[in-house]
Amino acid sequence: MLVTNLAILVLAGFVGYAVISKVPNTLHTPLMSGTNAIHGIVVLGGIILLVNGLADGALNKLLLVIAVAFGTINVVGGFLVTDRMLEMFKAKPKADAGDDA
């Protein structure tokens, strides 16, 4: 069972690398900000497990708290990157020509 899980993890890593390496640079930031926002599912799932007491043992609870913390950081970072990216597309205020006199 452990060998199968490790093999799946390694293969998923190779497939992920192959897929990400084919993404052009212009699409990388929008895709990453979207996937960071998806970590909200991790945060929600971790909170549900912690609140309902479905995590048995101190190690499981510690790992859930760490997952919720890192997921929250990723969600906030994703929204900050998206906000910064959208700021680039806003129109710049034009300077008045009559102020030079």
C-alpha atoms as a PDB file:
ATOM      1  CA  MET A   1       0.000   0.000   0.000  1.00  0.00           C
ATOM      2  CA  LEU A   2       2.786   2.429   0.916  1.00  0.00           C
ATOM      3  CA  VAL A   3       4.727   1.634  -2.259  1.00  0.00           C
ATOM      4  CA  THR A   4       1.605   2.195  -4.368  1.00  0.00           C
ATOM      5  CA  ASN A   5       0.924   5.552  -2.702  1.00  0.00           C
ATOM      6  CA  LEU A   6       4.545   6.648  -3.175  1.00  0.00           C
ATOM      7  CA  ALA A   7       4.473   5.586  -6.833  1.00  0.00           C
ATOM      8  CA  ILE A   8       1.280   7.601  -7.399  1.00  0.00           C
ATOM      9  CA  LEU A   9       2.856  10.614  -5.681  1.00  0.00           C
ATOM     10  CA  VAL A  10       5.989  10.439  -7.850  1.00  0.00           C
ATOM     11  CA  LEU A  11       3.989   9.956 -11.058  1.00  0.00           C
ATOM     12  CA  ALA A  12       1.692  12.858 -10.135  1.00  0.00           C
ATOM     13  CA  GLY A  13       4.786  15.013  -9.620  1.00  0.00           C
ATOM     14  CA  PHE A  14       6.111  14.137 -13.089  1.00  0.00           C
ATOM     15  CA  VAL A  15       2.736  14.751 -14.741  1.00  0.00           C
ATOM     16  CA  GLY A  16       2.350  18.065 -12.877  1.00  0.00           C
ATOM     17  CA  TYR A  17       5.801  19.195 -13.959  1.00  0.00           C
ATOM     18  CA  ALA A  18       5.095  18.225 -17.583  1.00  0.00           C
ATOM     19  CA  VAL A  19       1.808  20.139 -17.602  1.00  0.00           C
ATOM     20  CA  ILE A  20       3.144  23.267 -15.865  1.00  0.00           C
ATOM     21  CA  SER A  21       6.256  23.450 -18.059  1.00  0.00           C
ATOM     22  CA  LYS A  22       4.035  23.847 -21.134  1.00  0.00           C
ATOM     23  CA  VAL A  23       2.171  26.894 -19.740  1.00  0.00           C
ATOM     24  CA  PRO A  24       3.371  30.135 -21.370  1.00  0.00           C
ATOM     25  CA  ASN A  25       4.746  32.859 -19.103  1.00  0.00           C
ATOM     26  CA  THR A  26       1.858  35.207 -19.888  1.00  0.00           C
ATOM     27  CA  LEU A  27      -0.646  32.721 -18.462  1.00  0.00           C
ATOM     28  CA  HIS A  28       1.342  31.617 -15.433  1.00  0.00           C
ATOM     29  CA  THR A  29       0.291  34.377 -13.020  1.00  0.00           C
ATOM     30  CA  PRO A  30      -3.464  34.244 -13.770  1.00  0.00           C
ATOM     31  CA  LEU A  31      -3.497  30.461 -13.472  1.00  0.00           C
ATOM     32  CA  MET A  32      -1.544  30.509 -10.215  1.00  0.00           C
ATOM     33  CA  SER A  33      -3.784  33.131  -8.644  1.00  0.00           C
ATOM     34  CA  GLY A  34      -6.798  31.005  -9.537  1.00  0.00           C
ATOM     35  CA  THR A  35      -5.305  27.812  -8.154  1.00  0.00           C
ATOM     36  CA  ASN A  36      -4.281  29.609  -4.975  1.00  0.00           C
ATOM     37  CA  ALA A  37      -7.894  30.639  -4.479  1.00  0.00           C
ATOM     38  CA  ILE A  38      -8.920  26.988  -4.815  1.00  0.00           C
ATOM     39  CA  HIS A  39      -7.037  26.353  -1.563  1.00  0.00           C
ATOM     40  CA  GLY A  40     -10.159  27.707   0.090  1.00  0.00           C
ATOM     41  CA  ILE A  41     -11.429  24.129  -0.239  1.00  0.00           C
ATOM     42  CA  VAL A  42      -8.465  22.930   1.843  1.00  0.00           C
ATOM     43  CA  VAL A  43      -9.197  25.571   4.466  1.00  0.00           C
ATOM     44  CA  LEU A  44     -12.891  24.725   4.589  1.00  0.00           C
ATOM     45  CA  GLY A  45     -12.255  20.970   4.725  1.00  0.00           C
ATOM     46  CA  GLY A  46      -9.691  21.350   7.494  1.00  0.00           C
ATOM     47  CA  ILE A  47     -11.992  23.546   9.552  1.00  0.00           C
ATOM     48  CA  ILE A  48     -14.882  21.099   9.128  1.00  0.00           C
ATOM     49  CA  LEU A  49     -12.684  18.207  10.267  1.00  0.00           C
ATOM     50  CA  LEU A  50     -11.425  20.143  13.269  1.00  0.00           C
ATOM     51  CA  VAL A  51     -14.845  21.424  14.356  1.00  0.00           C
ATOM     52  CA  ASN A  52     -16.610  18.069  14.003  1.00  0.00           C
ATOM     53  CA  GLY A  53     -13.864  16.260  15.902  1.00  0.00           C
ATOM     54  CA  LEU A  54     -13.162  13.842  13.049  1.00  0.00           C
ATOM     55  CA  ALA A  55      -9.395  14.152  13.493  1.00  0.00           C
ATOM     56  CA  ASP A  56      -8.153  11.530  15.931  1.00  0.00           C
ATOM     57  CA  GLY A  57      -4.902  12.122  17.781  1.00  0.00           C
ATOM     58  CA  ALA A  58      -2.730  15.122  18.412  1.00  0.00           C
ATOM     59  CA  LEU A  59      -0.596  14.624  15.272  1.00  0.00           C
ATOM     60  CA  ASN A  60      -3.646  14.675  12.981  1.00  0.00           C
ATOM     61  CA  LYS A  61      -4.967  17.818  14.653  1.00  0.00           C
ATOM     62  CA  LEU A  62      -1.561  19.490  14.367  1.00  0.00           C
ATOM     63  CA  LEU A  63      -1.320  18.613  10.670  1.00  0.00           C
ATOM     64  CA  LEU A  64      -4.831  19.966  10.104  1.00  0.00           C
ATOM     65  CA  VAL A  65      -3.984  23.236  11.829  1.00  0.00           C
ATOM     66  CA  ILE A  66      -0.858  23.547   9.680  1.00  0.00           C
ATOM     67  CA  ALA A  67      -2.886  22.760   6.520  1.00  0.00           C
ATOM     68  CA  VAL A  68      -5.492  25.376   7.431  1.00  0.00           C
ATOM     69  CA  ALA A  69      -2.783  27.970   8.149  1.00  0.00           C
ATOM     70  CA  PHE A  70      -0.904  27.340   4.898  1.00  0.00           C
ATOM     71  CA  GLY A  71      -4.142  27.183   2.921  1.00  0.00           C
ATOM     72  CA  THR A  72      -5.207  30.524   4.368  1.00  0.00           C
ATOM     73  CA  ILE A  73      -1.859  32.073   3.471  1.00  0.00           C
ATOM     74  CA  ASN A  74      -2.209  30.723  -0.066  1.00  0.00           C
ATOM     75  CA  VAL A  75      -5.765  32.035  -0.458  1.00  0.00           C
ATOM     76  CA  VAL A  76      -4.837  35.513   0.761  1.00  0.00           C
ATOM     77  CA  GLY A  77      -1.716  35.534  -1.416  1.00  0.00           C
ATOM     78  CA  GLY A  78      -3.724  34.458  -4.443  1.00  0.00           C
ATOM     79  CA  PHE A  79      -6.205  37.265  -3.981  1.00  0.00           C
ATOM     80  CA  LEU A  80      -3.402  39.807  -3.450  1.00  0.00           C
ATOM     81  CA  VAL A  81      -1.661  38.690  -6.640  1.00  0.00           C
ATOM     82  CA  THR A  82      -4.954  38.861  -8.541  1.00  0.00           C
ATOM     83  CA  ASP A  83      -5.659  42.350  -7.206  1.00  0.00           C
ATOM     84  CA  ARG A  84      -2.188  43.539  -8.147  1.00  0.00           C
ATOM     85  CA  MET A  85      -2.556  41.990 -11.592  1.00  0.00           C
ATOM     86  CA  LEU A  86      -5.910  43.714 -12.162  1.00  0.00           C
ATOM     87  CA  GLU A  87      -4.394  47.073 -11.116  1.00  0.00           C
ATOM     88  CA  MET A  88      -2.171  46.881 -14.204  1.00  0.00           C
ATOM     89  CA  PHE A  89      -5.216  47.025 -16.473  1.00  0.00           C
ATOM     90  CA  LYS A  90      -6.789  50.132 -14.951  1.00  0.00           C
ATOM     91  CA  ALA A  91      -6.604  53.333 -16.993  1.00  0.00           C
ATOM     92  CA  LYS A  92      -3.965  55.801 -15.863  1.00  0.00           C
ATOM     93  CA  PRO A  93      -5.187  59.354 -15.083  1.00  0.00           C
ATOM     94  CA  LYS A  94      -4.280  61.743 -17.870  1.00  0.00           C
ATOM     95  CA  ALA A  95      -2.364  64.932 -17.056  1.00  0.00           C
ATOM     96  CA  ASP A  96      -4.043  68.199 -18.085  1.00  0.00           C
ATOM     97  CA  ALA A  97      -2.243  70.100 -20.866  1.00  0.00           C
ATOM     98  CA  GLY A  98      -3.235  73.521 -19.387  1.00  0.00           C
ATOM     99  CA  ASP A  99      -1.224  72.971 -16.166  1.00  0.00           C
ATOM    100  CA  ASP A 100       2.139  73.594 -17.891  1.00  0.00           C
ATOM    101  CA  ALA A 101       1.712  77.415 -18.114  1.00  0.00           C
END
